[in-house]
Amino acid sequence: PSWCKKKWCFVDPCRCGIRTPPKLSTYFKNATWLGHPVYYSYATCGHQDSYTAANNPKACVNQKDQASCESQGNKCKWTIMNQKLTCLGKSLATLCRGANLPSMGRAAGRVGLSLVAAAAPLAALLPACA
């Protein structure tokens, strides 16, 4: 698949500073970093996410209006991001408000301090791309 050749990064969702919302990792369901679930982003690494639309149509970020966002149950929240209304996962929409996370600087938001150590073991669990 085309997404297999694209670069992606683990990100700190509260500090990655990109216009495209990071995605909650559904592959590493129980993985956490700084007490919250692991997020990833293709946009942070300069690529477009073609995986989510093709493989997870019910993902919150794929819902384009309030009705479809709210029809996903309690997992999504219709909210404002980058000065426009959008559908985000409820955990992402509420995670960064008042967060007391260590300052890592904007560039470091891609792969945060202790996440560097976790990146290789987590990546090793990914299925091989054909």
N, C-alpha and C. Protein backbone atom coordinates (compact mmCIF):
# COMPACT_ATOMS: atom_id res chain seq x y z
N PRO A 1 0.83 -1.21 0.00
CA PRO A 1 0.00 0.00 0.00
C PRO A 1 0.86 1.27 0.00
N SER A 2 0.32 2.35 -0.53
CA SER A 2 1.08 3.61 -0.64
C SER A 2 1.53 4.15 0.71
N TRP A 3 0.71 3.97 1.76
CA TRP A 3 1.07 4.51 3.07
C TRP A 3 2.29 3.83 3.65
N CYS A 4 2.61 2.65 3.17
CA CYS A 4 3.74 1.89 3.70
C CYS A 4 5.08 2.57 3.43
N LYS A 5 5.15 3.35 2.38
CA LYS A 5 6.42 4.00 2.01
C LYS A 5 6.53 5.41 2.56
N LYS A 6 5.50 5.87 3.23
CA LYS A 6 5.50 7.24 3.75
C LYS A 6 6.10 7.29 5.15
N LYS A 7 6.73 8.41 5.44
CA LYS A 7 7.32 8.60 6.77
C LYS A 7 6.25 9.06 7.76
N TRP A 8 6.39 8.60 8.98
CA TRP A 8 5.53 9.04 10.07
C TRP A 8 6.39 9.11 11.32
N CYS A 9 5.89 9.81 12.30
CA CYS A 9 6.63 10.00 13.55
C CYS A 9 5.69 9.83 14.72
N PHE A 10 6.21 9.36 15.84
CA PHE A 10 5.48 9.47 17.09
C PHE A 10 5.56 10.93 17.49
N VAL A 11 4.47 11.48 18.01
CA VAL A 11 4.47 12.90 18.37
C VAL A 11 3.88 13.13 19.75
N ASP A 12 4.27 14.24 20.32
CA ASP A 12 3.62 14.74 21.52
C ASP A 12 2.44 15.56 21.00
N PRO A 13 1.21 15.12 21.18
CA PRO A 13 0.06 15.80 20.58
C PRO A 13 -0.14 17.22 21.08
N CYS A 14 0.42 17.55 22.23
CA CYS A 14 0.25 18.89 22.79
C CYS A 14 1.33 19.86 22.31
N ARG A 15 2.35 19.36 21.62
CA ARG A 15 3.46 20.23 21.24
C ARG A 15 3.92 20.09 19.80
N CYS A 16 3.24 19.29 18.98
CA CYS A 16 3.81 19.06 17.65
C CYS A 16 3.62 20.25 16.72
N GLY A 17 2.73 21.17 17.00
CA GLY A 17 2.63 22.43 16.27
C GLY A 17 2.34 22.30 14.79
N ILE A 18 1.49 21.35 14.39
CA ILE A 18 1.13 21.20 12.99
C ILE A 18 -0.36 21.46 12.81
N ARG A 19 -0.75 21.77 11.59
CA ARG A 19 -2.15 22.07 11.30
C ARG A 19 -3.01 20.80 11.20
N THR A 20 -2.40 19.69 10.82
CA THR A 20 -3.12 18.43 10.71
C THR A 20 -3.09 17.72 12.06
N PRO A 21 -4.25 17.34 12.59
CA PRO A 21 -4.24 16.72 13.92
C PRO A 21 -3.49 15.39 13.91
N PRO A 22 -2.73 15.12 14.97
CA PRO A 22 -2.08 13.82 15.07
C PRO A 22 -3.15 12.75 15.31
N LYS A 23 -2.80 11.52 15.04
CA LYS A 23 -3.75 10.41 15.18
C LYS A 23 -3.37 9.56 16.39
N LEU A 24 -4.38 9.06 17.05
CA LEU A 24 -4.19 8.14 18.16
C LEU A 24 -3.79 6.79 17.57
N SER A 25 -2.75 6.20 18.09
CA SER A 25 -2.31 4.90 17.60
C SER A 25 -3.31 3.84 18.01
N THR A 26 -3.93 3.20 17.04
CA THR A 26 -4.82 2.08 17.33
C THR A 26 -4.04 0.77 17.29
N TYR A 27 -2.85 0.81 16.73
CA TYR A 27 -2.01 -0.39 16.68
C TYR A 27 -1.41 -0.68 18.05
N PHE A 28 -0.97 0.37 18.73
CA PHE A 28 -0.39 0.24 20.07
C PHE A 28 -1.43 0.68 21.10
N LYS A 29 -2.50 -0.06 21.21
CA LYS A 29 -3.65 0.34 22.03
C LYS A 29 -3.31 0.62 23.49
N ASN A 30 -2.41 -0.14 24.06
CA ASN A 30 -2.11 0.03 25.48
C ASN A 30 -0.83 0.80 25.74
N ALA A 31 -0.17 1.26 24.69
CA ALA A 31 1.08 2.01 24.87
C ALA A 31 0.75 3.41 25.39
N THR A 32 1.57 3.90 26.31
CA THR A 32 1.39 5.26 26.83
C THR A 32 2.73 5.97 26.88
N TRP A 33 2.67 7.28 26.89
CA TRP A 33 3.84 8.13 27.04
C TRP A 33 3.41 9.34 27.86
N LEU A 34 4.11 9.62 28.94
CA LEU A 34 3.76 10.69 29.87
C LEU A 34 2.32 10.55 30.36
N GLY A 35 1.88 9.31 30.48
CA GLY A 35 0.56 9.04 31.03
C GLY A 35 -0.60 9.14 30.06
N HIS A 36 -0.33 9.40 28.79
CA HIS A 36 -1.43 9.43 27.82
C HIS A 36 -1.12 8.49 26.65
N PRO A 37 -2.13 8.14 25.85
CA PRO A 37 -1.91 7.22 24.73
C PRO A 37 -0.89 7.78 23.73
N VAL A 38 -0.34 6.88 22.93
CA VAL A 38 0.66 7.25 21.92
C VAL A 38 -0.04 7.80 20.68
N TYR A 39 0.49 8.91 20.15
CA TYR A 39 -0.02 9.53 18.93
C TYR A 39 1.06 9.51 17.86
N TYR A 40 0.61 9.52 16.59
CA TYR A 40 1.55 9.55 15.48
C TYR A 40 1.09 10.59 14.46
N SER A 41 1.99 10.95 13.56
CA SER A 41 1.67 11.94 12.53
C SER A 41 2.52 11.70 11.29
N TYR A 42 1.87 11.70 10.14
CA TYR A 42 2.59 11.71 8.87
C TYR A 42 2.98 13.15 8.55
N ALA A 43 2.09 14.10 8.83
CA ALA A 43 2.31 15.51 8.48
C ALA A 43 3.57 16.07 9.12
N THR A 44 3.86 15.68 10.35
CA THR A 44 5.05 16.17 11.04
C THR A 44 6.31 15.77 10.28
N CYS A 45 6.25 14.65 9.59
CA CYS A 45 7.41 14.17 8.83
C CYS A 45 7.31 14.55 7.35
N GLY A 46 6.39 15.44 7.01
CA GLY A 46 6.29 15.94 5.65
C GLY A 46 5.52 15.06 4.68
N HIS A 47 4.73 14.14 5.18
CA HIS A 47 3.96 13.25 4.31
C HIS A 47 2.48 13.35 4.63
N GLN A 48 1.66 12.90 3.68
CA GLN A 48 0.21 12.93 3.86
C GLN A 48 -0.26 11.56 4.35
N ASP A 49 -1.19 11.56 5.27
CA ASP A 49 -1.74 10.32 5.82
C ASP A 49 -2.78 9.75 4.87
N SER A 50 -2.44 8.70 4.16
CA SER A 50 -3.42 8.02 3.31
C SER A 50 -3.95 6.76 4.01
N TYR A 51 -3.34 6.40 5.13
CA TYR A 51 -3.74 5.20 5.87
C TYR A 51 -5.10 5.38 6.55
N THR A 52 -5.28 6.47 7.28
CA THR A 52 -6.47 6.62 8.11
C THR A 52 -7.76 6.62 7.30
N ALA A 53 -7.80 7.37 6.21
CA ALA A 53 -9.02 7.42 5.40
C ALA A 53 -9.34 6.05 4.79
N ALA A 54 -8.31 5.34 4.34
CA ALA A 54 -8.52 4.05 3.68
C ALA A 54 -8.82 2.92 4.66
N ASN A 55 -8.23 2.96 5.83
CA ASN A 55 -8.30 1.82 6.74
C ASN A 55 -9.11 2.06 8.02
N ASN A 56 -9.52 3.29 8.25
CA ASN A 56 -10.27 3.58 9.47
C ASN A 56 -11.31 4.67 9.18
N PRO A 57 -12.32 4.35 8.34
CA PRO A 57 -13.30 5.38 7.94
C PRO A 57 -14.10 5.96 9.10
N LYS A 58 -14.17 5.25 10.22
CA LYS A 58 -14.91 5.76 11.38
C LYS A 58 -14.03 6.58 12.31
N ALA A 59 -12.78 6.80 11.93
CA ALA A 59 -11.89 7.64 12.75
C ALA A 59 -12.50 9.03 12.87
N CYS A 60 -12.37 9.62 14.01
CA CYS A 60 -12.96 10.94 14.25
C CYS A 60 -12.51 11.96 13.21
N VAL A 61 -11.23 11.96 12.86
CA VAL A 61 -10.71 12.96 11.91
C VAL A 61 -11.30 12.80 10.52
N ASN A 62 -11.94 11.67 10.22
CA ASN A 62 -12.58 11.47 8.92
C ASN A 62 -14.02 11.97 8.88
N GLN A 63 -14.55 12.40 10.00
CA GLN A 63 -15.92 12.90 10.05
C GLN A 63 -15.90 14.40 9.73
N LYS A 64 -16.61 14.79 8.69
CA LYS A 64 -16.49 16.16 8.17
C LYS A 64 -17.56 17.13 8.64
N ASP A 65 -18.55 16.67 9.40
CA ASP A 65 -19.57 17.58 9.92
C ASP A 65 -19.96 17.14 11.33
N GLN A 66 -20.66 18.03 12.02
CA GLN A 66 -21.00 17.78 13.41
C GLN A 66 -21.86 16.53 13.58
N ALA A 67 -22.82 16.33 12.68
CA ALA A 67 -23.71 15.17 12.80
C ALA A 67 -22.93 13.86 12.69
N SER A 68 -22.04 13.75 11.70
CA SER A 68 -21.29 12.50 11.56
C SER A 68 -20.29 12.34 12.71
N CYS A 69 -19.76 13.44 13.20
CA CYS A 69 -18.84 13.40 14.34
C CYS A 69 -19.56 12.86 15.57
N GLU A 70 -20.71 13.41 15.86
CA GLU A 70 -21.46 13.01 17.05
C GLU A 70 -22.06 11.62 16.92
N SER A 71 -22.24 11.14 15.66
CA SER A 71 -22.80 9.80 15.47
C SER A 71 -21.80 8.70 15.83
N GLN A 72 -20.56 9.06 16.08
CA GLN A 72 -19.53 8.08 16.44
C GLN A 72 -19.58 7.71 17.92
N GLY A 73 -20.54 8.24 18.62
CA GLY A 73 -20.68 7.93 20.04
C GLY A 73 -19.80 8.84 20.88
N ASN A 74 -19.37 8.33 22.00
CA ASN A 74 -18.64 9.13 22.97
C ASN A 74 -17.15 9.28 22.65
N LYS A 75 -16.67 8.68 21.55
CA LYS A 75 -15.23 8.72 21.27
C LYS A 75 -14.79 10.00 20.58
N CYS A 76 -15.71 10.74 19.94
CA CYS A 76 -15.34 11.94 19.17
C CYS A 76 -15.92 13.21 19.79
N LYS A 77 -15.30 14.33 19.46
CA LYS A 77 -15.77 15.63 19.95
C LYS A 77 -15.66 16.65 18.81
N TRP A 78 -16.76 17.35 18.53
CA TRP A 78 -16.80 18.43 17.55
C TRP A 78 -16.23 19.66 18.24
N THR A 79 -15.11 20.17 17.78
CA THR A 79 -14.41 21.22 18.49
C THR A 79 -13.66 22.12 17.52
N ILE A 80 -12.96 23.10 18.05
CA ILE A 80 -12.18 24.03 17.23
C ILE A 80 -10.70 23.66 17.30
N MET A 81 -10.08 23.57 16.13
CA MET A 81 -8.63 23.38 16.04
C MET A 81 -8.15 24.24 14.89
N ASN A 82 -7.09 24.98 15.12
CA ASN A 82 -6.54 25.88 14.10
C ASN A 82 -7.61 26.80 13.53
N GLN A 83 -8.45 27.31 14.40
CA GLN A 83 -9.48 28.29 14.08
C GLN A 83 -10.55 27.77 13.13
N LYS A 84 -10.78 26.45 13.13
CA LYS A 84 -11.90 25.92 12.35
C LYS A 84 -12.51 24.74 13.09
N LEU A 85 -13.81 24.53 12.86
CA LEU A 85 -14.49 23.41 13.49
C LEU A 85 -14.03 22.11 12.86
N THR A 86 -13.79 21.13 13.69
CA THR A 86 -13.32 19.83 13.21
C THR A 86 -13.70 18.74 14.21
N CYS A 87 -13.66 17.52 13.77
CA CYS A 87 -13.95 16.38 14.63
C CYS A 87 -12.63 15.75 15.07
N LEU A 88 -12.44 15.68 16.37
CA LEU A 88 -11.23 15.08 16.94
C LEU A 88 -11.63 13.97 17.89
N GLY A 89 -10.72 13.06 18.12
CA GLY A 89 -10.93 12.08 19.17
C GLY A 89 -11.09 12.82 20.48
N LYS A 90 -12.04 12.40 21.29
CA LYS A 90 -12.31 13.10 22.55
C LYS A 90 -11.05 13.19 23.41
N SER A 91 -10.23 12.15 23.40
CA SER A 91 -9.01 12.19 24.21
C SER A 91 -8.07 13.28 23.73
N LEU A 92 -7.93 13.46 22.42
CA LEU A 92 -7.07 14.52 21.89
C LEU A 92 -7.67 15.89 22.14
N ALA A 93 -8.97 16.01 21.97
CA ALA A 93 -9.64 17.30 22.15
C ALA A 93 -9.53 17.83 23.57
N THR A 94 -9.39 16.93 24.53
CA THR A 94 -9.33 17.36 25.93
C THR A 94 -7.94 17.20 26.56
N LEU A 95 -7.07 16.43 25.94
CA LEU A 95 -5.77 16.10 26.52
C LEU A 95 -4.90 17.31 26.82
N CYS A 96 -4.80 18.23 25.91
CA CYS A 96 -3.81 19.30 26.01
C CYS A 96 -4.29 20.53 26.75
N ARG A 97 -5.52 20.57 27.15
CA ARG A 97 -6.02 21.73 27.90
C ARG A 97 -5.48 21.68 29.31
N GLY A 98 -4.65 22.65 29.66
CA GLY A 98 -4.10 22.73 30.99
C GLY A 98 -3.09 21.64 31.30
N ALA A 99 -2.55 21.03 30.24
CA ALA A 99 -1.59 19.95 30.45
C ALA A 99 -0.33 20.48 31.11
N ASN A 100 0.21 19.73 32.02
CA ASN A 100 1.44 20.09 32.70
C ASN A 100 2.53 19.14 32.22
N LEU A 101 2.94 19.30 30.96
CA LEU A 101 3.94 18.43 30.37
C LEU A 101 5.28 19.14 30.32
N PRO A 102 6.37 18.39 30.34
CA PRO A 102 7.69 19.02 30.28
C PRO A 102 7.88 19.78 28.98
N SER A 103 8.54 20.91 29.05
CA SER A 103 8.80 21.71 27.86
C SER A 103 9.88 21.04 27.03
N MET A 104 9.57 20.80 25.76
CA MET A 104 10.53 20.15 24.89
C MET A 104 10.85 20.99 23.67
N GLY A 105 10.18 22.11 23.51
CA GLY A 105 10.41 22.93 22.33
C GLY A 105 9.63 22.39 21.15
N ARG A 106 9.37 23.24 20.18
CA ARG A 106 8.53 22.87 19.06
C ARG A 106 9.11 21.74 18.21
N ALA A 107 10.38 21.81 17.86
CA ALA A 107 10.96 20.78 17.01
C ALA A 107 11.00 19.43 17.71
N ALA A 108 11.18 19.45 19.01
CA ALA A 108 11.27 18.18 19.74
C ALA A 108 9.91 17.50 19.87
N GLY A 109 8.84 18.19 19.49
CA GLY A 109 7.52 17.59 19.58
C GLY A 109 7.35 16.36 18.72
N ARG A 110 8.21 16.17 17.75
CA ARG A 110 8.10 15.00 16.88
C ARG A 110 8.28 13.71 17.65
N VAL A 111 9.38 13.58 18.30
CA VAL A 111 9.65 12.38 19.08
C VAL A 111 10.21 12.86 20.40
N GLY A 112 9.38 12.92 21.41
CA GLY A 112 9.77 13.49 22.69
C GLY A 112 10.85 12.70 23.40
N LEU A 113 11.42 13.32 24.38
CA LEU A 113 12.56 12.81 25.13
C LEU A 113 12.54 11.30 25.37
N SER A 114 11.67 10.82 26.25
CA SER A 114 11.69 9.40 26.56
C SER A 114 11.04 8.57 25.47
N LEU A 115 10.33 9.20 24.54
CA LEU A 115 9.72 8.46 23.46
C LEU A 115 10.77 7.95 22.48
N VAL A 116 11.93 8.60 22.42
CA VAL A 116 13.00 8.12 21.54
C VAL A 116 13.35 6.69 21.91
N ALA A 117 13.46 6.41 23.18
CA ALA A 117 13.79 5.07 23.63
C ALA A 117 12.68 4.08 23.30
N ALA A 118 11.45 4.56 23.27
CA ALA A 118 10.32 3.67 22.99
C ALA A 118 10.09 3.47 21.50
N ALA A 119 10.57 4.37 20.66
CA ALA A 119 10.26 4.33 19.23
C ALA A 119 10.74 3.04 18.56
N ALA A 120 11.95 2.62 18.81
CA ALA A 120 12.47 1.42 18.15
C ALA A 120 11.70 0.17 18.57
N PRO A 121 11.50 -0.07 19.87
CA PRO A 121 10.72 -1.26 20.24
C PRO A 121 9.29 -1.22 19.70
N LEU A 122 8.66 -0.05 19.69
CA LEU A 122 7.31 0.06 19.17
C LEU A 122 7.30 -0.20 17.67
N ALA A 123 8.24 0.40 16.94
CA ALA A 123 8.31 0.22 15.50
C ALA A 123 8.58 -1.23 15.13
N ALA A 124 9.32 -1.94 15.95
CA ALA A 124 9.62 -3.35 15.68
C ALA A 124 8.36 -4.21 15.70
N LEU A 125 7.31 -3.74 16.37
CA LEU A 125 6.07 -4.49 16.44
C LEU A 125 5.17 -4.27 15.23
N LEU A 126 5.49 -3.28 14.40
CA LEU A 126 4.67 -2.98 13.24
C LEU A 126 4.76 -4.11 12.22
N PRO A 127 3.66 -4.39 11.51
CA PRO A 127 3.73 -5.42 10.47
C PRO A 127 4.65 -4.95 9.35
N ALA A 128 5.30 -5.87 8.71
CA ALA A 128 6.21 -5.54 7.60
C ALA A 128 5.39 -5.03 6.43
N CYS A 129 5.91 -4.03 5.75
CA CYS A 129 5.24 -3.49 4.57
C CYS A 129 5.69 -4.27 3.34
N ALA A 130 4.75 -4.57 2.48
CA ALA A 130 5.08 -5.33 1.27
C ALA A 130 5.46 -4.41 0.14
